[in-house]
C-alpha atoms as a PDB file:
ATOM      1  CA  MET A   1      80.699 -34.122 -98.481  1.00  0.00           C
ATOM      2  CA  SER A   2      82.982 -34.933-101.282  1.00  0.00           C
ATOM      3  CA  ILE A   3      82.167 -37.521-104.077  1.00  0.00           C
ATOM      4  CA  PHE A   4      85.642 -38.969-103.497  1.00  0.00           C
ATOM      5  CA  ARG A   5      85.525 -39.673 -99.615  1.00  0.00           C
ATOM      6  CA  ALA A   6      82.863 -39.100 -97.008  1.00  0.00           C
ATOM      7  CA  ASP A   7      83.795 -37.839 -93.574  1.00  0.00           C
ATOM      8  CA  ILE A   8      81.513 -39.544 -91.031  1.00  0.00           C
ATOM      9  CA  GLY A   9      81.209 -38.961 -87.322  1.00  0.00           C
ATOM     10  CA  ILE A  10      79.308 -41.879 -85.252  1.00  0.00           C
ATOM     11  CA  ASP A  11      78.036 -42.047 -81.644  1.00  0.00           C
ATOM     12  CA  LEU A  12      77.857 -45.842 -81.359  1.00  0.00           C
ATOM     13  CA  GLY A  13      75.502 -45.800 -78.336  1.00  0.00           C
ATOM     14  CA  THR A  14      73.940 -48.700 -76.402  1.00  0.00           C
ATOM     15  CA  VAL A  15      70.320 -47.553 -77.259  1.00  0.00           C
ATOM     16  CA  ASN A  16      70.743 -45.305 -80.285  1.00  0.00           C
ATOM     17  CA  ILE A  17      73.342 -44.766 -83.016  1.00  0.00           C
ATOM     18  CA  VAL A  18      73.603 -41.411 -84.272  1.00  0.00           C
ATOM     19  CA  VAL A  19      75.735 -40.592 -87.627  1.00  0.00           C
ATOM     20  CA  TYR A  20      77.093 -37.228 -88.698  1.00  0.00           C
ATOM     21  CA  VAL A  21      78.324 -36.606 -92.293  1.00  0.00           C
ATOM     22  CA  ARG A  22      80.351 -33.595 -92.775  1.00  0.00           C
ATOM     23  CA  GLY A  23      78.617 -31.102 -95.117  1.00  0.00           C
ATOM     24  CA  LYS A  24      75.102 -32.637 -94.322  1.00  0.00           C
ATOM     25  CA  GLY A  25      74.845 -32.775 -90.469  1.00  0.00           C
ATOM     26  CA  ILE A  26      72.956 -35.593 -88.553  1.00  0.00           C
ATOM     27  CA  VAL A  27      71.720 -37.961 -91.156  1.00  0.00           C
ATOM     28  CA  ILE A  28      70.907 -41.030 -89.098  1.00  0.00           C
ATOM     29  CA  GLN A  29      69.457 -41.256 -85.492  1.00  0.00           C
ATOM     30  CA  GLU A  30      68.094 -44.927 -85.122  1.00  0.00           C
ATOM     31  CA  PRO A  31      67.987 -47.446 -82.204  1.00  0.00           C
ATOM     32  CA  SER A  32      71.106 -49.721 -82.004  1.00  0.00           C
ATOM     33  CA  VAL A  33      68.815 -52.809 -82.292  1.00  0.00           C
ATOM     34  CA  VAL A  34      69.190 -55.757 -84.710  1.00  0.00           C
ATOM     35  CA  ALA A  35      66.871 -58.625 -85.491  1.00  0.00           C
ATOM     36  CA  LEU A  36      68.300 -62.016 -86.372  1.00  0.00           C
ATOM     37  CA  LEU A  37      66.939 -65.223 -87.760  1.00  0.00           C
ATOM     38  CA  SER A  38      68.195 -67.495 -84.864  1.00  0.00           C
ATOM     39  CA  ARG A  39      68.714 -70.652 -86.886  1.00  0.00           C
ATOM     40  CA  GLU A  40      70.540 -68.890 -89.783  1.00  0.00           C
ATOM     41  CA  ASP A  41      72.152 -66.233 -87.812  1.00  0.00           C
ATOM     42  CA  ARG A  42      71.087 -63.742 -90.486  1.00  0.00           C
ATOM     43  CA  VAL A  43      70.120 -60.172 -89.945  1.00  0.00           C
ATOM     44  CA  VAL A  44      66.344 -59.500 -90.761  1.00  0.00           C
ATOM     45  CA  GLU A  45      66.049 -55.768 -89.665  1.00  0.00           C
ATOM     46  CA  VAL A  46      68.315 -52.969 -88.204  1.00  0.00           C
ATOM     47  CA  GLY A  47      67.309 -49.836 -86.420  1.00  0.00           C
ATOM     48  CA  GLU A  48      63.766 -48.638 -85.861  1.00  0.00           C
ATOM     49  CA  GLU A  49      62.146 -51.640 -87.619  1.00  0.00           C
ATOM     50  CA  ALA A  50      64.038 -54.014 -85.388  1.00  0.00           C
ATOM     51  CA  ARG A  51      63.254 -52.045 -82.243  1.00  0.00           C
ATOM     52  CA  GLN A  52      59.450 -52.227 -82.950  1.00  0.00           C
ATOM     53  CA  MET A  53      59.937 -56.050 -82.986  1.00  0.00           C
ATOM     54  CA  PHE A  54      61.252 -55.975 -79.300  1.00  0.00           C
ATOM     55  CA  GLY A  55      59.328 -58.591 -77.208  1.00  0.00           C
ATOM     56  CA  ARG A  56      56.945 -59.419 -80.063  1.00  0.00           C
ATOM     57  CA  THR A  57      58.750 -62.039 -81.860  1.00  0.00           C
ATOM     58  CA  PRO A  58      58.515 -65.826 -82.237  1.00  0.00           C
ATOM     59  CA  ASP A  59      61.540 -67.817 -80.966  1.00  0.00           C
ATOM     60  CA  THR A  60      63.040 -68.153 -84.551  1.00  0.00           C
ATOM     61  CA  ILE A  61      63.748 -64.322 -84.557  1.00  0.00           C
ATOM     62  CA  GLU A  62      66.035 -62.761 -81.823  1.00  0.00           C
ATOM     63  CA  VAL A  63      65.966 -58.947 -81.212  1.00  0.00           C
ATOM     64  CA  SER A  64      68.959 -57.731 -79.306  1.00  0.00           C
ATOM     65  CA  ARG A  65      71.220 -54.732 -78.698  1.00  0.00           C
ATOM     66  CA  PRO A  66      74.743 -55.853 -79.916  1.00  0.00           C
ATOM     67  CA  LEU A  67      76.268 -53.064 -77.649  1.00  0.00           C
ATOM     68  CA  ARG A  68      76.209 -53.340 -73.787  1.00  0.00           C
ATOM     69  CA  ASP A  69      77.178 -50.553 -71.431  1.00  0.00           C
ATOM     70  CA  GLY A  70      78.542 -48.518 -74.428  1.00  0.00           C
ATOM     71  CA  VAL A  71      80.999 -51.258 -75.756  1.00  0.00           C
ATOM     72  CA  ILE A  72      80.547 -54.069 -78.226  1.00  0.00           C
ATOM     73  CA  ALA A  73      78.998 -57.232 -76.689  1.00  0.00           C
ATOM     74  CA  ASP A  74      78.456 -59.023 -80.166  1.00  0.00           C
ATOM     75  CA  TYR A  75      81.179 -58.346 -82.688  1.00  0.00           C
ATOM     76  CA  GLN A  76      79.587 -59.756 -85.662  1.00  0.00           C
ATOM     77  CA  VAL A  77      76.181 -58.189 -85.129  1.00  0.00           C
ATOM     78  CA  THR A  78      77.829 -54.747 -84.418  1.00  0.00           C
ATOM     79  CA  GLN A  79      79.901 -55.123 -87.633  1.00  0.00           C
ATOM     80  CA  THR A  80      76.723 -55.835 -89.516  1.00  0.00           C
ATOM     81  CA  MET A  81      74.801 -52.976 -88.105  1.00  0.00           C
ATOM     82  CA  LEU A  82      77.697 -50.552 -88.607  1.00  0.00           C
ATOM     83  CA  GLY A  83      78.113 -51.704 -92.207  1.00  0.00           C
ATOM     84  CA  HIS A  84      74.487 -50.984 -92.761  1.00  0.00           C
ATOM     85  CA  PHE A  85      74.529 -47.446 -91.473  1.00  0.00           C
ATOM     86  CA  ILE A  86      78.116 -46.532 -92.763  1.00  0.00           C
ATOM     87  CA  ARG A  87      76.762 -47.562 -96.491  1.00  0.00           C
ATOM     88  CA  LYS A  88      73.610 -45.470 -95.792  1.00  0.00           C
ATOM     89  CA  ALA A  89      75.680 -42.478 -94.747  1.00  0.00           C
ATOM     90  CA  ARG A  90      78.488 -42.643 -97.331  1.00  0.00           C
ATOM     91  CA  GLY A  91      76.193 -42.549-100.259  1.00  0.00           C
ATOM     92  CA  PHE A  92      77.969 -42.726-103.546  1.00  0.00           C
ATOM     93  CA  SER A  93      81.454 -41.593-102.401  1.00  0.00           C
ATOM     94  CA  LEU A  94      84.224 -43.437-104.474  1.00  0.00           C
ATOM     95  CA  PHE A  95      86.789 -44.315-101.576  1.00  0.00           C
ATOM     96  CA  PRO A  96      86.287 -45.652 -97.900  1.00  0.00           C
ATOM     97  CA  PRO A  97      85.151 -43.010 -95.668  1.00  0.00           C
ATOM     98  CA  ARG A  98      87.120 -41.330 -92.861  1.00  0.00           C
ATOM     99  CA  VAL A  99      85.396 -42.031 -89.567  1.00  0.00           C
ATOM    100  CA  VAL A 100      85.545 -40.724 -86.009  1.00  0.00           C
ATOM    101  CA  ILE A 101      83.753 -42.905 -83.476  1.00  0.00           C
ATOM    102  CA  GLY A 102      82.871 -41.813 -79.878  1.00  0.00           C
ATOM    103  CA  VAL A 103      83.958 -44.425 -77.257  1.00  0.00           C
ATOM    104  CA  PRO A 104      83.503 -44.492 -73.502  1.00  0.00           C
ATOM    105  CA  TYR A 105      86.108 -42.961 -71.294  1.00  0.00           C
ATOM    106  CA  GLY A 106      86.686 -46.071 -69.361  1.00  0.00           C
ATOM    107  CA  VAL A 107      86.998 -48.214 -72.639  1.00  0.00           C
ATOM    108  CA  THR A 108      89.748 -51.033 -72.547  1.00  0.00           C
ATOM    109  CA  SER A 109      92.355 -51.652 -75.266  1.00  0.00           C
ATOM    110  CA  VAL A 110      90.534 -54.847 -76.171  1.00  0.00           C
ATOM    111  CA  GLU A 111      87.249 -52.957 -76.573  1.00  0.00           C
ATOM    112  CA  ARG A 112      88.910 -50.143 -78.648  1.00  0.00           C
ATOM    113  CA  ARG A 113      90.334 -52.783 -80.968  1.00  0.00           C
ATOM    114  CA  ALA A 114      86.819 -54.295 -81.301  1.00  0.00           C
ATOM    115  CA  VAL A 115      85.359 -50.952 -82.307  1.00  0.00           C
ATOM    116  CA  ARG A 116      88.108 -50.097 -84.659  1.00  0.00           C
ATOM    117  CA  GLU A 117      88.034 -53.488 -86.429  1.00  0.00           C
ATOM    118  CA  ALA A 118      84.393 -53.420 -86.666  1.00  0.00           C
ATOM    119  CA  ALA A 119      84.387 -50.056 -88.523  1.00  0.00           C
ATOM    120  CA  VAL A 120      87.110 -51.281 -90.930  1.00  0.00           C
ATOM    121  CA  GLU A 121      85.145 -54.556 -91.717  1.00  0.00           C
ATOM    122  CA  ALA A 122      82.021 -52.319 -92.225  1.00  0.00           C
ATOM    123  CA  GLY A 123      83.810 -50.319 -94.963  1.00  0.00           C
ATOM    124  CA  ALA A 124      85.849 -47.569 -93.166  1.00  0.00           C
ATOM    125  CA  ASP A 125      89.436 -46.712 -94.397  1.00  0.00           C
ATOM    126  CA  ARG A 126      91.735 -48.606 -91.878  1.00  0.00           C
ATOM    127  CA  SER A 127      94.299 -45.813 -91.703  1.00  0.00           C
ATOM    128  CA  GLN A 128      91.412 -43.067 -91.256  1.00  0.00           C
ATOM    129  CA  VAL A 129      89.458 -44.500 -88.190  1.00  0.00           C
ATOM    130  CA  PHE A 130      89.797 -42.339 -85.181  1.00  0.00           C
ATOM    131  CA  LEU A 131      88.473 -43.206 -81.717  1.00  0.00           C
ATOM    132  CA  LEU A 132      87.422 -40.160 -79.525  1.00  0.00           C
ATOM    133  CA  ARG A 133      86.580 -40.315 -75.883  1.00  0.00           C
ATOM    134  CA  GLU A 134      82.693 -39.558 -75.486  1.00  0.00           C
ATOM    135  CA  PRO A 135      82.956 -36.840 -72.817  1.00  0.00           C
ATOM    136  CA  LEU A 136      85.277 -34.725 -75.174  1.00  0.00           C
ATOM    137  CA  ALA A 137      83.064 -35.514 -78.149  1.00  0.00           C
ATOM    138  CA  ALA A 138      80.058 -34.399 -76.030  1.00  0.00           C
ATOM    139  CA  ALA A 139      81.752 -31.243 -74.934  1.00  0.00           C
ATOM    140  CA  LEU A 140      82.569 -30.337 -78.490  1.00  0.00           C
ATOM    141  CA  GLY A 141      79.020 -31.138 -79.740  1.00  0.00           C
ATOM    142  CA  ALA A 142      77.580 -29.006 -76.867  1.00  0.00           C
ATOM    143  CA  GLY A 143      79.580 -25.970 -77.952  1.00  0.00           C
ATOM    144  CA  LEU A 144      81.672 -25.683 -74.909  1.00  0.00           C
ATOM    145  CA  PRO A 145      85.100 -23.787 -75.492  1.00  0.00           C
ATOM    146  CA  VAL A 146      87.170 -26.839 -75.128  1.00  0.00           C
ATOM    147  CA  ASP A 147      90.216 -25.201 -76.813  1.00  0.00           C
ATOM    148  CA  THR A 148      90.599 -22.568 -74.095  1.00  0.00           C
ATOM    149  CA  ALA A 149      92.447 -22.739 -70.866  1.00  0.00           C
ATOM    150  CA  THR A 150      89.280 -22.837 -68.801  1.00  0.00           C
ATOM    151  CA  GLY A 151      87.404 -25.696 -67.163  1.00  0.00           C
ATOM    152  CA  ASN A 152      84.301 -27.120 -68.643  1.00  0.00           C
ATOM    153  CA  LEU A 153      82.346 -29.718 -66.955  1.00  0.00           C
ATOM    154  CA  VAL A 154      80.275 -32.186 -69.070  1.00  0.00           C
ATOM    155  CA  LEU A 155      78.070 -35.143 -67.952  1.00  0.00           C
ATOM    156  CA  ASP A 156      77.166 -37.496 -70.810  1.00  0.00           C
ATOM    157  CA  ILE A 157      74.456 -39.855 -69.855  1.00  0.00           C
ATOM    158  CA  GLY A 158      73.615 -42.448 -72.385  1.00  0.00           C
ATOM    159  CA  GLY A 159      71.786 -45.694 -72.572  1.00  0.00           C
ATOM    160  CA  GLY A 160      74.506 -47.761 -70.978  1.00  0.00           C
ATOM    161  CA  THR A 161      77.023 -45.449 -69.241  1.00  0.00           C
ATOM    162  CA  ALA A 162      77.327 -42.106 -67.536  1.00  0.00           C
ATOM    163  CA  GLU A 163      80.554 -40.183 -67.761  1.00  0.00           C
ATOM    164  CA  ALA A 164      81.666 -36.998 -66.206  1.00  0.00           C
ATOM    165  CA  ALA A 165      84.739 -35.070 -67.437  1.00  0.00           C
ATOM    166  CA  VAL A 166      86.481 -31.638 -66.940  1.00  0.00           C
ATOM    167  CA  VAL A 167      87.789 -30.560 -70.299  1.00  0.00           C
ATOM    168  CA  SER A 168      90.341 -27.894 -70.985  1.00  0.00           C
ATOM    169  CA  MET A 169      92.850 -27.097 -73.943  1.00  0.00           C
ATOM    170  CA  ASN A 170      91.430 -29.836 -76.190  1.00  0.00           C
ATOM    171  CA  GLY A 171      91.819 -32.581 -73.554  1.00  0.00           C
ATOM    172  CA  ILE A 172      90.347 -34.407 -70.575  1.00  0.00           C
ATOM    173  CA  VAL A 173      91.863 -33.172 -67.409  1.00  0.00           C
ATOM    174  CA  VAL A 174      89.988 -35.518 -65.097  1.00  0.00           C
ATOM    175  CA  ALA A 175      87.103 -37.904 -65.722  1.00  0.00           C
ATOM    176  CA  ASN A 176      85.216 -40.913 -64.317  1.00  0.00           C
ATOM    177  CA  SER A 177      82.441 -43.263 -65.683  1.00  0.00           C
ATOM    178  CA  VAL A 178      80.015 -45.731 -64.373  1.00  0.00           C
ATOM    179  CA  ARG A 179      78.186 -48.257 -66.432  1.00  0.00           C
ATOM    180  CA  VAL A 180      74.800 -46.850 -65.391  1.00  0.00           C
ATOM    181  CA  GLY A 181      72.529 -45.080 -67.850  1.00  0.00           C
ATOM    182  CA  GLY A 182      68.950 -45.006 -69.361  1.00  0.00           C
ATOM    183  CA  ILE A 183      68.648 -48.790 -69.484  1.00  0.00           C
ATOM    184  CA  LYS A 184      69.516 -49.136 -65.742  1.00  0.00           C
ATOM    185  CA  LEU A 185      66.524 -46.518 -65.027  1.00  0.00           C
ATOM    186  CA  ASP A 186      64.289 -48.837 -67.034  1.00  0.00           C
ATOM    187  CA  TYR A 187      65.378 -51.886 -65.127  1.00  0.00           C
ATOM    188  CA  ALA A 188      64.809 -50.001 -61.860  1.00  0.00           C
ATOM    189  CA  ILE A 189      61.157 -49.273 -63.002  1.00  0.00           C
ATOM    190  CA  GLN A 190      60.575 -52.918 -63.856  1.00  0.00           C
ATOM    191  CA  ASN A 191      61.899 -54.206 -60.542  1.00  0.00           C
ATOM    192  CA  TYR A 192      59.726 -51.616 -58.602  1.00  0.00           C
ATOM    193  CA  VAL A 193      56.527 -52.710 -60.461  1.00  0.00           C
ATOM    194  CA  ARG A 194      57.367 -56.120 -59.964  1.00  0.00           C
ATOM    195  CA  ARG A 195      57.967 -55.927 -56.152  1.00  0.00           C
ATOM    196  CA  LYS A 196      54.980 -53.418 -55.457  1.00  0.00           C
ATOM    197  CA  TYR A 197      52.472 -54.745 -57.813  1.00  0.00           C
ATOM    198  CA  ASN A 198      53.561 -58.447 -58.593  1.00  0.00           C
ATOM    199  CA  LEU A 199      53.241 -57.135 -62.216  1.00  0.00           C
ATOM    200  CA  ALA A 200      55.890 -58.031 -64.842  1.00  0.00           C
ATOM    201  CA  ILE A 201      56.519 -55.382 -67.593  1.00  0.00           C
ATOM    202  CA  GLY A 202      58.680 -55.495 -70.572  1.00  0.00           C
ATOM    203  CA  GLU A 203      61.567 -53.198 -71.196  1.00  0.00           C
ATOM    204  CA  PRO A 204      59.940 -51.139 -73.903  1.00  0.00           C
ATOM    205  CA  THR A 205      57.142 -50.528 -71.419  1.00  0.00           C
ATOM    206  CA  ALA A 206      59.416 -49.428 -68.707  1.00  0.00           C
ATOM    207  CA  GLU A 207      61.063 -47.034 -71.035  1.00  0.00           C
ATOM    208  CA  GLU A 208      57.886 -45.495 -72.156  1.00  0.00           C
ATOM    209  CA  VAL A 209      56.980 -45.012 -68.422  1.00  0.00           C
ATOM    210  CA  LYS A 210      60.289 -43.103 -67.922  1.00  0.00           C
ATOM    211  CA  ILE A 211      59.610 -40.897 -70.922  1.00  0.00           C
ATOM    212  CA  ARG A 212      56.024 -40.127 -70.228  1.00  0.00           C
ATOM    213  CA  ILE A 213      55.883 -39.619 -66.558  1.00  0.00           C
ATOM    214  CA  GLY A 214      59.443 -40.006 -65.159  1.00  0.00           C
ATOM    215  CA  SER A 215      61.182 -37.388 -63.154  1.00  0.00           C
ATOM    216  CA  ALA A 216      64.447 -37.117 -61.209  1.00  0.00           C
ATOM    217  CA  VAL A 217      62.628 -35.177 -58.421  1.00  0.00           C
ATOM    218  CA  MET A 218      58.939 -34.969 -57.300  1.00  0.00           C
ATOM    219  CA  LEU A 219      56.793 -32.979 -59.595  1.00  0.00           C
ATOM    220  CA  ASP A 220      54.395 -30.231 -58.432  1.00  0.00           C
ATOM    221  CA  GLU A 221      51.597 -31.840 -60.302  1.00  0.00           C
ATOM    222  CA  GLU A 222      51.488 -35.680 -60.359  1.00  0.00           C
ATOM    223  CA  LEU A 223      51.420 -37.382 -63.602  1.00  0.00           C
ATOM    224  CA  VAL A 224      49.571 -40.852 -63.961  1.00  0.00           C
ATOM    225  CA  MET A 225      49.921 -43.513 -66.674  1.00  0.00           C
ATOM    226  CA  GLN A 226      48.091 -46.863 -67.115  1.00  0.00           C
ATOM    227  CA  VAL A 227      50.556 -49.657 -67.375  1.00  0.00           C
ATOM    228  CA  GLN A 228      49.784 -53.038 -68.588  1.00  0.00           C
ATOM    229  CA  GLY A 229      51.740 -56.243 -67.836  1.00  0.00           C
ATOM    230  CA  ARG A 230      51.459 -59.774 -66.695  1.00  0.00           C
ATOM    231  CA  ASP A 231      50.404 -60.746 -63.152  1.00  0.00           C
ATOM    232  CA  GLN A 232      53.018 -62.911 -61.702  1.00  0.00           C
ATOM    233  CA  VAL A 233      50.708 -64.873 -59.499  1.00  0.00           C
ATOM    234  CA  SER A 234      47.815 -65.624 -61.939  1.00  0.00           C
ATOM    235  CA  GLY A 235      49.716 -65.103 -65.112  1.00  0.00           C
ATOM    236  CA  LEU A 236      46.955 -63.116 -66.577  1.00  0.00           C
ATOM    237  CA  PRO A 237      47.241 -59.663 -68.178  1.00  0.00           C
ATOM    238  CA  GLN A 238      46.577 -56.869 -65.773  1.00  0.00           C
ATOM    239  CA  MET A 239      46.493 -53.124 -65.798  1.00  0.00           C
ATOM    240  CA  ILE A 240      47.606 -50.663 -62.995  1.00  0.00           C
ATOM    241  CA  GLU A 241      47.933 -46.886 -62.572  1.00  0.00           C
ATOM    242  CA  LEU A 242      51.368 -45.656 -62.014  1.00  0.00           C
ATOM    243  CA  THR A 243      52.199 -42.331 -60.704  1.00  0.00           C
ATOM    244  CA  SER A 244      55.218 -39.919 -61.558  1.00  0.00           C
ATOM    245  CA  SER A 245      56.087 -40.142 -57.664  1.00  0.00           C
ATOM    246  CA  GLU A 246      56.434 -43.790 -57.815  1.00  0.00           C
ATOM    247  CA  VAL A 247      58.723 -43.527 -60.703  1.00  0.00           C
ATOM    248  CA  THR A 248      60.797 -40.881 -58.976  1.00  0.00           C
ATOM    249  CA  GLU A 249      61.164 -43.311 -56.057  1.00  0.00           C
ATOM    250  CA  ALA A 250      61.930 -46.121 -58.245  1.00  0.00           C
ATOM    251  CA  ILE A 251      64.972 -44.574 -59.934  1.00  0.00           C
ATOM    252  CA  GLN A 252      66.776 -42.894 -57.120  1.00  0.00           C
ATOM    253  CA  GLU A 253      69.498 -45.611 -56.728  1.00  0.00           C
ATOM    254  CA  PRO A 254      70.884 -45.341 -60.336  1.00  0.00           C
ATOM    255  CA  LEU A 255      70.488 -41.593 -60.120  1.00  0.00           C
ATOM    256  CA  ALA A 256      72.695 -41.489 -56.902  1.00  0.00           C
ATOM    257  CA  GLN A 257      75.331 -43.574 -58.911  1.00  0.00           C
ATOM    258  CA  ILE A 258      75.243 -41.065 -61.655  1.00  0.00           C
ATOM    259  CA  SER A 259      75.713 -38.203 -59.267  1.00  0.00           C
ATOM    260  CA  GLY A 260      78.293 -40.028 -57.497  1.00  0.00           C
ATOM    261  CA  VAL A 261      80.481 -40.016 -60.614  1.00  0.00           C
ATOM    262  CA  VAL A 262      80.331 -36.109 -60.915  1.00  0.00           C
ATOM    263  CA  LYS A 263      81.161 -35.800 -57.351  1.00  0.00           C
ATOM    264  CA  SER A 264      84.316 -37.976 -57.623  1.00  0.00           C
ATOM    265  CA  VAL A 265      85.362 -35.759 -60.720  1.00  0.00           C
ATOM    266  CA  LEU A 266      84.847 -32.574 -58.755  1.00  0.00           C
ATOM    267  CA  GLU A 267      87.027 -33.892 -55.895  1.00  0.00           C
ATOM    268  CA  ARG A 268      89.877 -34.282 -58.270  1.00  0.00           C
ATOM    269  CA  THR A 269      89.448 -31.244 -60.198  1.00  0.00           C
ATOM    270  CA  PRO A 270      92.323 -28.672 -59.927  1.00  0.00           C
ATOM    271  CA  PRO A 271      91.265 -25.607 -57.863  1.00  0.00           C
ATOM    272  CA  GLU A 272      91.826 -23.245 -60.782  1.00  0.00           C
ATOM    273  CA  LEU A 273      89.454 -25.107 -62.977  1.00  0.00           C
ATOM    274  CA  ALA A 274      86.845 -25.647 -60.172  1.00  0.00           C
ATOM    275  CA  SER A 275      86.277 -22.000 -59.900  1.00  0.00           C
ATOM    276  CA  ASP A 276      85.562 -21.912 -63.750  1.00  0.00           C
ATOM    277  CA  ILE A 277      83.012 -24.748 -63.275  1.00  0.00           C
ATOM    278  CA  ILE A 278      81.097 -22.958 -60.586  1.00  0.00           C
ATOM    279  CA  ASP A 279      80.759 -19.972 -63.009  1.00  0.00           C
ATOM    280  CA  ARG A 280      80.134 -21.839 -66.186  1.00  0.00           C
ATOM    281  CA  GLY A 281      77.931 -24.879 -64.625  1.00  0.00           C
ATOM    282  CA  MET A 282      77.610 -28.519 -65.773  1.00  0.00           C
ATOM    283  CA  ALA A 283      76.436 -29.283 -69.319  1.00  0.00           C
ATOM    284  CA  MET A 284      74.484 -32.388 -69.611  1.00  0.00           C
ATOM    285  CA  THR A 285      74.208 -34.424 -72.713  1.00  0.00           C
ATOM    286  CA  GLY A 286      72.946 -37.789 -73.952  1.00  0.00           C
ATOM    287  CA  GLY A 287      69.383 -39.168 -74.175  1.00  0.00           C
ATOM    288  CA  THR A 288      68.936 -39.626 -70.543  1.00  0.00           C
ATOM    289  CA  ALA A 289      69.615 -36.035 -69.878  1.00  0.00           C
ATOM    290  CA  LEU A 290      66.157 -35.391 -71.165  1.00  0.00           C
ATOM    291  CA  LEU A 291      64.664 -36.903 -67.958  1.00  0.00           C
ATOM    292  CA  ARG A 292      62.260 -34.274 -66.303  1.00  0.00           C
ATOM    293  CA  LYS A 293      64.038 -32.298 -63.637  1.00  0.00           C
ATOM    294  CA  LEU A 294      67.468 -33.973 -63.898  1.00  0.00           C
ATOM    295  CA  ASP A 295      69.163 -30.765 -64.050  1.00  0.00           C
ATOM    296  CA  GLU A 296      67.552 -29.764 -60.797  1.00  0.00           C
ATOM    297  CA  PHE A 297      68.511 -32.966 -59.134  1.00  0.00           C
ATOM    298  CA  MET A 298      72.189 -32.681 -60.267  1.00  0.00           C
ATOM    299  CA  THR A 299      72.370 -29.131 -59.001  1.00  0.00           C
ATOM    300  CA  LYS A 300      71.143 -30.128 -55.623  1.00  0.00           C
ATOM    301  CA  GLU A 301      73.416 -33.161 -55.254  1.00  0.00           C
ATOM    302  CA  THR A 302      76.639 -31.738 -56.607  1.00  0.00           C
ATOM    303  CA  GLY A 303      76.259 -27.920 -55.961  1.00  0.00           C
ATOM    304  CA  VAL A 304      77.170 -27.042 -59.353  1.00  0.00           C
ATOM    305  CA  PRO A 305      74.425 -25.409 -61.632  1.00  0.00           C
ATOM    306  CA  ALA A 306      73.335 -27.913 -64.181  1.00  0.00           C
ATOM    307  CA  TYR A 307      71.688 -27.316 -67.581  1.00  0.00           C
ATOM    308  CA  VAL A 308      70.793 -29.521 -70.630  1.00  0.00           C
ATOM    309  CA  ALA A 309      72.668 -28.915 -73.658  1.00  0.00           C
ATOM    310  CA  ASP A 310      70.803 -28.169 -76.944  1.00  0.00           C
ATOM    311  CA  THR A 311      69.869 -31.378 -78.716  1.00  0.00           C
ATOM    312  CA  PRO A 312      71.435 -33.418 -76.079  1.00  0.00           C
ATOM    313  CA  MET A 313      70.991 -36.880 -77.861  1.00  0.00           C
ATOM    314  CA  ALA A 314      73.155 -35.607 -80.775  1.00  0.00           C
ATOM    315  CA  CYS A 315      75.991 -33.970 -78.905  1.00  0.00           C
ATOM    316  CA  VAL A 316      78.548 -36.862 -79.193  1.00  0.00           C
ATOM    317  CA  ALA A 317      77.816 -37.490 -82.904  1.00  0.00           C
ATOM    318  CA  LEU A 318      78.075 -33.557 -83.526  1.00  0.00           C
ATOM    319  CA  GLY A 319      81.308 -33.641 -81.535  1.00  0.00           C
ATOM    320  CA  THR A 320      82.858 -36.464 -83.551  1.00  0.00           C
ATOM    321  CA  GLY A 321      81.712 -34.458 -86.633  1.00  0.00           C
ATOM    322  CA  ARG A 322      83.634 -31.382 -85.333  1.00  0.00           C
ATOM    323  CA  ALA A 323      86.628 -33.377 -84.530  1.00  0.00           C
ATOM    324  CA  LEU A 324      86.949 -34.157 -88.193  1.00  0.00           C
ATOM    325  CA  GLU A 325      87.673 -30.332 -88.616  1.00  0.00           C
ATOM    326  CA  HIS A 326      90.483 -30.525 -86.134  1.00  0.00           C
ATOM    327  CA  ILE A 327      91.998 -33.837 -86.936  1.00  0.00           C
ATOM    328  CA  ASN A 328      95.718 -32.511 -86.548  1.00  0.00           C
ATOM    329  CA  VAL A 329      95.017 -30.913 -83.137  1.00  0.00           C
ATOM    330  CA  LEU A 330      93.178 -33.955 -81.567  1.00  0.00           C
ATOM    331  CA  ARG A 331      95.672 -36.439 -83.076  1.00  0.00           C
ATOM    332  CA  ARG A 332      98.346 -35.017 -80.818  1.00  0.00           C
ATOM    333  CA  THR A 333      96.116 -34.978 -77.818  1.00  0.00           C
ATOM    334  CA  GLU A 334      92.919 -37.002 -77.547  1.00  0.00           C
ATOM    335  CA  PHE A 335      92.353 -39.642 -80.365  1.00  0.00           C
ATOM    336  CA  ILE A 336      93.123 -42.905 -79.041  1.00  0.00           C
ATOM    337  CA  GLY A 337      94.528 -46.096 -80.601  1.00  0.00           C
END
């Protein structure tokens, strides 16, 4: 990183923000969560400190995610959060940083403008803010040979969106996205527990269940977890035992929506690239790709061998960082305004 200008790549995710700095690698990986003083509309905490306050604050403090489904839901809070992380990442560089930000494939022009303006207001150089579609960024970060005339299939599943794309010659040939991701899996677990056990559990608890015992297909050896919540009849605290097979049953609907996105992309893939994909398989990136046996589920549902990329949570951020090294090539093909 130059003392004059920092080159920064950002995965601005619904659940996590991951920041890459050229010359340093991944320097920040924190929750996209902000805690505000409700009356004063003033930021109290950002990132991990704010996440730990989720569901545990008085009504004077509001803890929220300023991004929803991969795009900005609260502009001012997103700007504050971006400013916090950009200042942290740029260090003591003299000039405003050059920034590449990953955005969902299906992002609208209004949403793109909001991301760009938030980055500029947060301290980036207006003429050096580039937006890159996340499937291509994920493919770059996963180390796929995107600059060759071969088909590469990537499935990026974050907290708010799942996006599948076939990438070739530094561009996206065909892609599709659905606003379903890790958060929808958490909601599905909450709804299942509410219906079956009359127990209300919070979003952080549902996420912990997903991580500790969740699986896309039934496990050979059942996992069990004790879950605490509030009984909806008596209103009193209650504890139940939840099994991995119950969690698998709970999350089938959102998983079917994610596999449907891949199928829709495969149906529109040119035959020449489809044969490459069968040979190369499907690379899965994003935090939700870490769900147990998701690769097995996707292979069964789509007929394409699936595998989890190295460091899947960091792939989009690493891809935006690698895009910084190919600015001129990608400016002609895939950077969007």
